[in-house]
Amino acid sequence: MKKQLFMSLALVMSYTLSACSSTNDSNGISEQEQQSESNRELVEFPENYDKGVNYTTVNRGNVREELYTSREAIEAVQDGQPIPDGTIITLEIYRDEDLDEIFVMEKRAGWADGNPSEMRNGDWLYQEFNGDKSVDYKEEIGRCFTCHANQERDDFVNTMDEMKNFDLGEFTGSKDGKTESQIAGIPTEHWEVNAADYLEGSQGILHGNRLMEKEKSEIIEKVLLMVHFNKET
């Protein structure tokens, strides 16, 4: 009887110790998750990111990924310099040609200090947005740290080779990396574009004898680009 009672007490103690250990582990994970969740709020949606350098496209079945960053980041990488502080890399994720998610990683000095040691990828932080630009809180940001952790030698960037090999000569954005092109600042609202006679039979281009605004702007842009490149050469 005593032996049976002793074994019962031992079993209860074993369960109690196991439960305490489990509770401590879960609390530790919860604290890390809470910390990373709060830090993700530092990464805001980068408006006009698509005016930057679209330096690579990745296709995986019905998924297409378009990656953007600044000209300064590309130039730094190609010059063998560290990726500059303030760099933002944006990844558009299309599924069956519909924009489904927008992944953003941003580098800011000191951001590493805000994360626990096992969740530090240099000074990078991550955020996941839905196609409508709202934050996707269902996405576990910890997975982003894990995915990029094995690229430490490339500053935790998975597409470093694509950045190194991108031909900046194909990019018409301004040298200082602003979102406007070199011709975007030219006022064209007062310009008039007359429709050529051969366009009159085109469907969806002419309204009466006037060009639609979209077609007008495209024609003006082409003319300005021709002038710009002729000047450069």
Protein backbone atom coordinates (compact mmCIF):
# COMPACT_ATOMS: atom_id res chain seq x y z
CA MET A 1 0.00 0.00 0.00
CA LYS A 2 2.81 2.41 0.97
CA LYS A 3 4.69 1.45 -2.17
CA GLN A 4 1.65 2.19 -4.32
CA LEU A 5 1.13 5.55 -2.59
CA PHE A 6 4.79 6.51 -3.11
CA MET A 7 4.60 5.68 -6.82
CA SER A 8 1.43 7.76 -7.15
CA LEU A 9 3.07 10.77 -5.50
CA ALA A 10 6.14 10.41 -7.71
CA LEU A 11 3.93 10.32 -10.80
CA VAL A 12 2.08 13.49 -9.72
CA MET A 13 5.38 15.32 -9.10
CA SER A 14 6.65 14.23 -12.50
CA TYR A 15 3.56 15.63 -14.23
CA THR A 16 3.82 18.86 -12.20
CA LEU A 17 7.47 19.41 -13.15
CA SER A 18 6.71 18.67 -16.80
CA ALA A 19 3.84 21.14 -16.80
CA CYS A 20 6.03 23.87 -15.26
CA SER A 21 8.75 23.26 -17.80
CA SER A 22 6.22 23.40 -20.63
CA THR A 23 4.70 26.62 -19.27
CA ASN A 24 8.10 28.31 -19.03
CA ASP A 25 8.98 27.36 -22.62
CA SER A 26 5.68 28.58 -24.01
CA ASN A 27 6.01 31.84 -22.06
CA GLY A 28 9.49 32.35 -23.51
CA ILE A 29 8.28 31.77 -27.05
CA SER A 30 5.30 34.01 -26.46
CA GLU A 31 7.52 36.86 -25.29
CA GLN A 32 9.73 36.54 -28.37
CA GLU A 33 6.71 36.48 -30.63
CA GLN A 34 5.25 39.52 -28.93
CA GLN A 35 8.53 41.38 -29.30
CA SER A 36 8.86 40.57 -32.99
CA GLU A 37 5.19 41.39 -33.56
CA SER A 38 5.62 44.84 -32.03
CA ASN A 39 8.82 45.51 -33.97
CA ARG A 40 7.18 44.65 -37.28
CA GLU A 41 5.05 47.77 -36.88
CA LEU A 42 8.19 49.83 -37.51
CA VAL A 43 8.09 48.76 -41.15
CA GLU A 44 5.50 50.88 -42.91
CA PHE A 45 4.13 50.34 -46.40
CA PRO A 46 6.55 51.95 -48.89
CA GLU A 47 4.42 54.11 -51.15
CA ASN A 48 5.68 54.38 -54.75
CA TYR A 49 8.07 51.46 -54.26
CA ASP A 50 7.26 50.39 -57.83
CA LYS A 51 8.95 53.55 -59.12
CA GLY A 52 12.25 52.13 -57.91
CA VAL A 53 14.40 49.49 -59.58
CA ASN A 54 12.53 46.32 -60.55
CA TYR A 55 15.74 44.31 -60.46
CA THR A 56 14.46 40.76 -60.88
CA THR A 57 11.42 38.57 -61.53
CA VAL A 58 11.02 35.07 -60.11
CA ASN A 59 8.48 32.59 -61.50
CA ARG A 60 7.34 29.52 -59.56
CA GLY A 61 4.43 27.75 -61.22
CA ASN A 62 1.41 30.01 -60.94
CA VAL A 63 3.33 32.39 -58.64
CA ARG A 64 5.24 35.39 -59.97
CA GLU A 65 7.42 37.56 -57.76
CA GLU A 66 8.57 41.09 -58.65
CA LEU A 67 11.35 42.61 -56.55
CA TYR A 68 12.04 46.33 -56.15
CA THR A 69 14.63 48.42 -54.34
CA SER A 70 16.40 51.77 -54.68
CA ARG A 71 19.08 52.68 -57.18
CA GLU A 72 21.45 53.50 -54.30
CA ALA A 73 21.13 49.96 -52.95
CA ILE A 74 21.93 48.43 -56.35
CA GLU A 75 24.90 50.75 -56.86
CA ALA A 76 26.28 50.00 -53.39
CA VAL A 77 26.05 46.25 -53.96
CA GLN A 78 27.69 46.51 -57.39
CA ASP A 79 30.48 48.65 -55.90
CA GLY A 80 31.14 46.05 -53.22
CA GLN A 81 29.78 48.29 -50.46
CA PRO A 82 27.33 47.34 -47.68
CA ILE A 83 23.64 47.83 -48.41
CA PRO A 84 22.92 51.37 -47.18
CA ASP A 85 20.99 52.21 -44.04
CA GLY A 86 17.39 52.98 -44.95
CA THR A 87 17.23 50.49 -47.81
CA ILE A 88 13.81 48.95 -48.51
CA ILE A 89 13.32 45.81 -50.57
CA THR A 90 9.77 45.12 -51.71
CA LEU A 91 8.50 41.82 -53.05
CA GLU A 92 5.21 41.65 -54.93
CA ILE A 93 3.69 38.18 -54.95
CA TYR A 94 1.22 37.41 -57.73
CA ARG A 95 -0.86 34.24 -57.79
CA ASP A 96 -2.53 33.52 -61.13
CA GLU A 97 -1.61 37.11 -62.10
CA ASP A 98 -3.53 38.60 -59.15
CA LEU A 99 -1.52 40.63 -56.61
CA ASP A 100 -1.88 38.55 -53.45
CA GLU A 101 0.81 39.74 -51.02
CA ILE A 102 3.48 42.41 -50.67
CA PHE A 103 6.49 41.49 -48.55
CA VAL A 104 8.71 44.33 -47.29
CA MET A 105 12.10 44.20 -45.60
CA GLU A 106 13.71 47.41 -44.33
CA LYS A 107 17.17 48.12 -42.91
CA ARG A 108 17.65 50.75 -40.21
CA ALA A 109 20.62 51.25 -37.90
CA GLY A 110 19.87 49.97 -34.41
CA TRP A 111 16.87 47.88 -35.33
CA ALA A 112 18.74 44.67 -34.48
CA ASP A 113 18.76 45.67 -30.81
CA GLY A 114 14.98 45.44 -30.67
CA ASN A 115 14.88 41.71 -31.35
CA PRO A 116 16.03 38.75 -29.22
CA SER A 117 19.41 37.35 -30.28
CA GLU A 118 17.86 34.33 -32.04
CA MET A 119 15.72 36.63 -34.17
CA ARG A 120 18.31 39.08 -35.50
CA ASN A 121 19.17 39.38 -39.17
CA GLY A 122 21.49 42.35 -38.97
CA ASP A 123 19.42 45.55 -38.85
CA TRP A 124 16.62 44.17 -41.03
CA LEU A 125 12.99 44.01 -40.01
CA TYR A 126 10.11 42.52 -41.98
CA GLN A 127 6.46 43.15 -42.65
CA GLU A 128 3.84 41.35 -44.71
CA PHE A 129 1.01 43.22 -46.42
CA ASN A 130 -2.08 42.01 -48.23
CA GLY A 131 -2.71 42.98 -51.83
CA ASP A 132 -4.78 45.94 -50.62
CA LYS A 133 -1.76 47.25 -48.62
CA SER A 134 -3.25 46.32 -45.23
CA VAL A 135 -0.99 44.49 -42.77
CA ASP A 136 -1.29 40.72 -42.91
CA TYR A 137 -1.32 39.89 -39.21
CA LYS A 138 -1.96 36.23 -39.99
CA GLU A 139 1.57 35.92 -41.36
CA GLU A 140 4.08 34.86 -38.72
CA ILE A 141 7.00 37.27 -39.06
CA GLY A 142 9.33 34.84 -37.30
CA ARG A 143 9.32 32.75 -40.49
CA CYS A 144 10.85 35.69 -42.35
CA PHE A 145 13.82 35.77 -39.98
CA THR A 146 14.31 32.03 -40.42
CA CYS A 147 14.09 32.23 -44.21
CA HIS A 148 16.74 34.96 -44.48
CA ALA A 149 19.02 33.81 -41.65
CA ASN A 150 21.05 31.50 -43.90
CA GLN A 151 22.06 34.44 -46.12
CA GLU A 152 24.18 36.22 -43.52
CA ARG A 153 27.15 36.52 -45.89
CA ASP A 154 24.89 38.40 -48.31
CA ASP A 155 23.51 40.76 -45.64
CA PHE A 156 20.51 38.45 -45.24
CA VAL A 157 19.27 39.20 -48.78
CA ASN A 158 18.21 36.18 -50.85
CA THR A 159 18.55 37.97 -54.20
CA MET A 160 22.00 39.52 -53.78
CA ASP A 161 23.30 37.95 -57.01
CA GLU A 162 20.40 39.45 -58.97
CA MET A 163 21.22 42.88 -57.52
CA LYS A 164 24.88 42.49 -58.50
CA ASN A 165 24.03 41.48 -62.05
CA PHE A 166 21.28 44.01 -62.78
CA ASP A 167 22.06 46.41 -65.63
CA LEU A 168 21.29 49.88 -64.31
CA GLY A 169 21.54 51.16 -67.87
CA GLU A 170 18.07 49.71 -68.40
CA PHE A 171 16.63 51.77 -65.56
CA THR A 172 15.38 55.26 -66.50
CA GLY A 173 14.87 56.50 -62.96
CA SER A 174 16.81 59.45 -61.62
CA LYS A 175 20.37 59.08 -60.38
CA ASP A 176 19.43 60.17 -56.86
CA GLY A 177 16.93 57.30 -56.55
CA LYS A 178 13.80 59.46 -56.29
CA THR A 179 10.56 57.95 -57.47
CA GLU A 180 10.28 60.29 -60.45
CA SER A 181 12.03 59.67 -63.75
CA GLN A 182 14.34 62.19 -65.34
CA ILE A 183 11.49 63.52 -67.49
CA ALA A 184 8.72 63.34 -64.91
CA GLY A 185 9.20 66.91 -63.75
CA ILE A 186 8.47 68.44 -67.15
CA PRO A 187 4.98 70.05 -67.11
CA THR A 188 2.90 68.74 -70.03
CA GLU A 189 -0.66 69.60 -68.98
CA HIS A 190 -0.82 72.48 -71.46
CA TRP A 191 0.52 70.40 -74.37
CA GLU A 192 -1.83 69.59 -77.24
CA VAL A 193 -1.53 66.39 -79.23
CA ASN A 194 -3.46 66.21 -82.49
CA ALA A 195 -4.72 62.84 -83.62
CA ALA A 196 -3.22 61.69 -86.91
CA ASP A 197 -5.66 60.72 -89.67
CA TYR A 198 -4.53 57.11 -89.60
CA LEU A 199 -5.68 56.80 -86.01
CA GLU A 200 -9.28 57.68 -86.76
CA GLY A 201 -10.22 54.08 -87.44
CA SER A 202 -8.73 52.81 -84.19
CA GLN A 203 -11.12 51.57 -81.53
CA GLY A 204 -10.77 52.74 -77.95
CA ILE A 205 -8.10 55.33 -78.76
CA LEU A 206 -10.04 58.27 -80.13
CA HIS A 207 -13.03 60.00 -78.62
CA GLY A 208 -14.36 61.90 -81.62
CA ASN A 209 -11.19 63.51 -82.92
CA ARG A 210 -9.41 63.75 -79.56
CA LEU A 211 -6.97 61.40 -77.95
CA MET A 212 -7.82 59.84 -74.60
CA GLU A 213 -5.70 61.24 -71.76
CA LYS A 214 -3.84 57.97 -71.28
CA GLU A 215 -2.81 57.78 -74.93
CA LYS A 216 -1.86 61.46 -74.90
CA SER A 217 0.46 60.99 -71.93
CA GLU A 218 2.02 57.89 -73.50
CA ILE A 219 2.76 59.76 -76.75
CA ILE A 220 4.29 62.69 -74.83
CA GLU A 221 6.41 60.32 -72.75
CA LYS A 222 7.73 58.58 -75.86
CA VAL A 223 8.65 61.91 -77.46
CA LEU A 224 10.44 63.10 -74.32
CA LEU A 225 12.32 59.81 -74.01
CA MET A 226 13.46 60.09 -77.63
CA VAL A 227 14.70 63.62 -77.00
CA HIS A 228 16.41 62.53 -73.77
CA PHE A 229 18.26 59.57 -75.28
CA ASN A 230 19.26 61.53 -78.38
CA LYS A 231 20.71 64.18 -76.06
CA GLU A 232 22.61 61.55 -74.08
CA THR A 233 24.11 59.98 -77.20
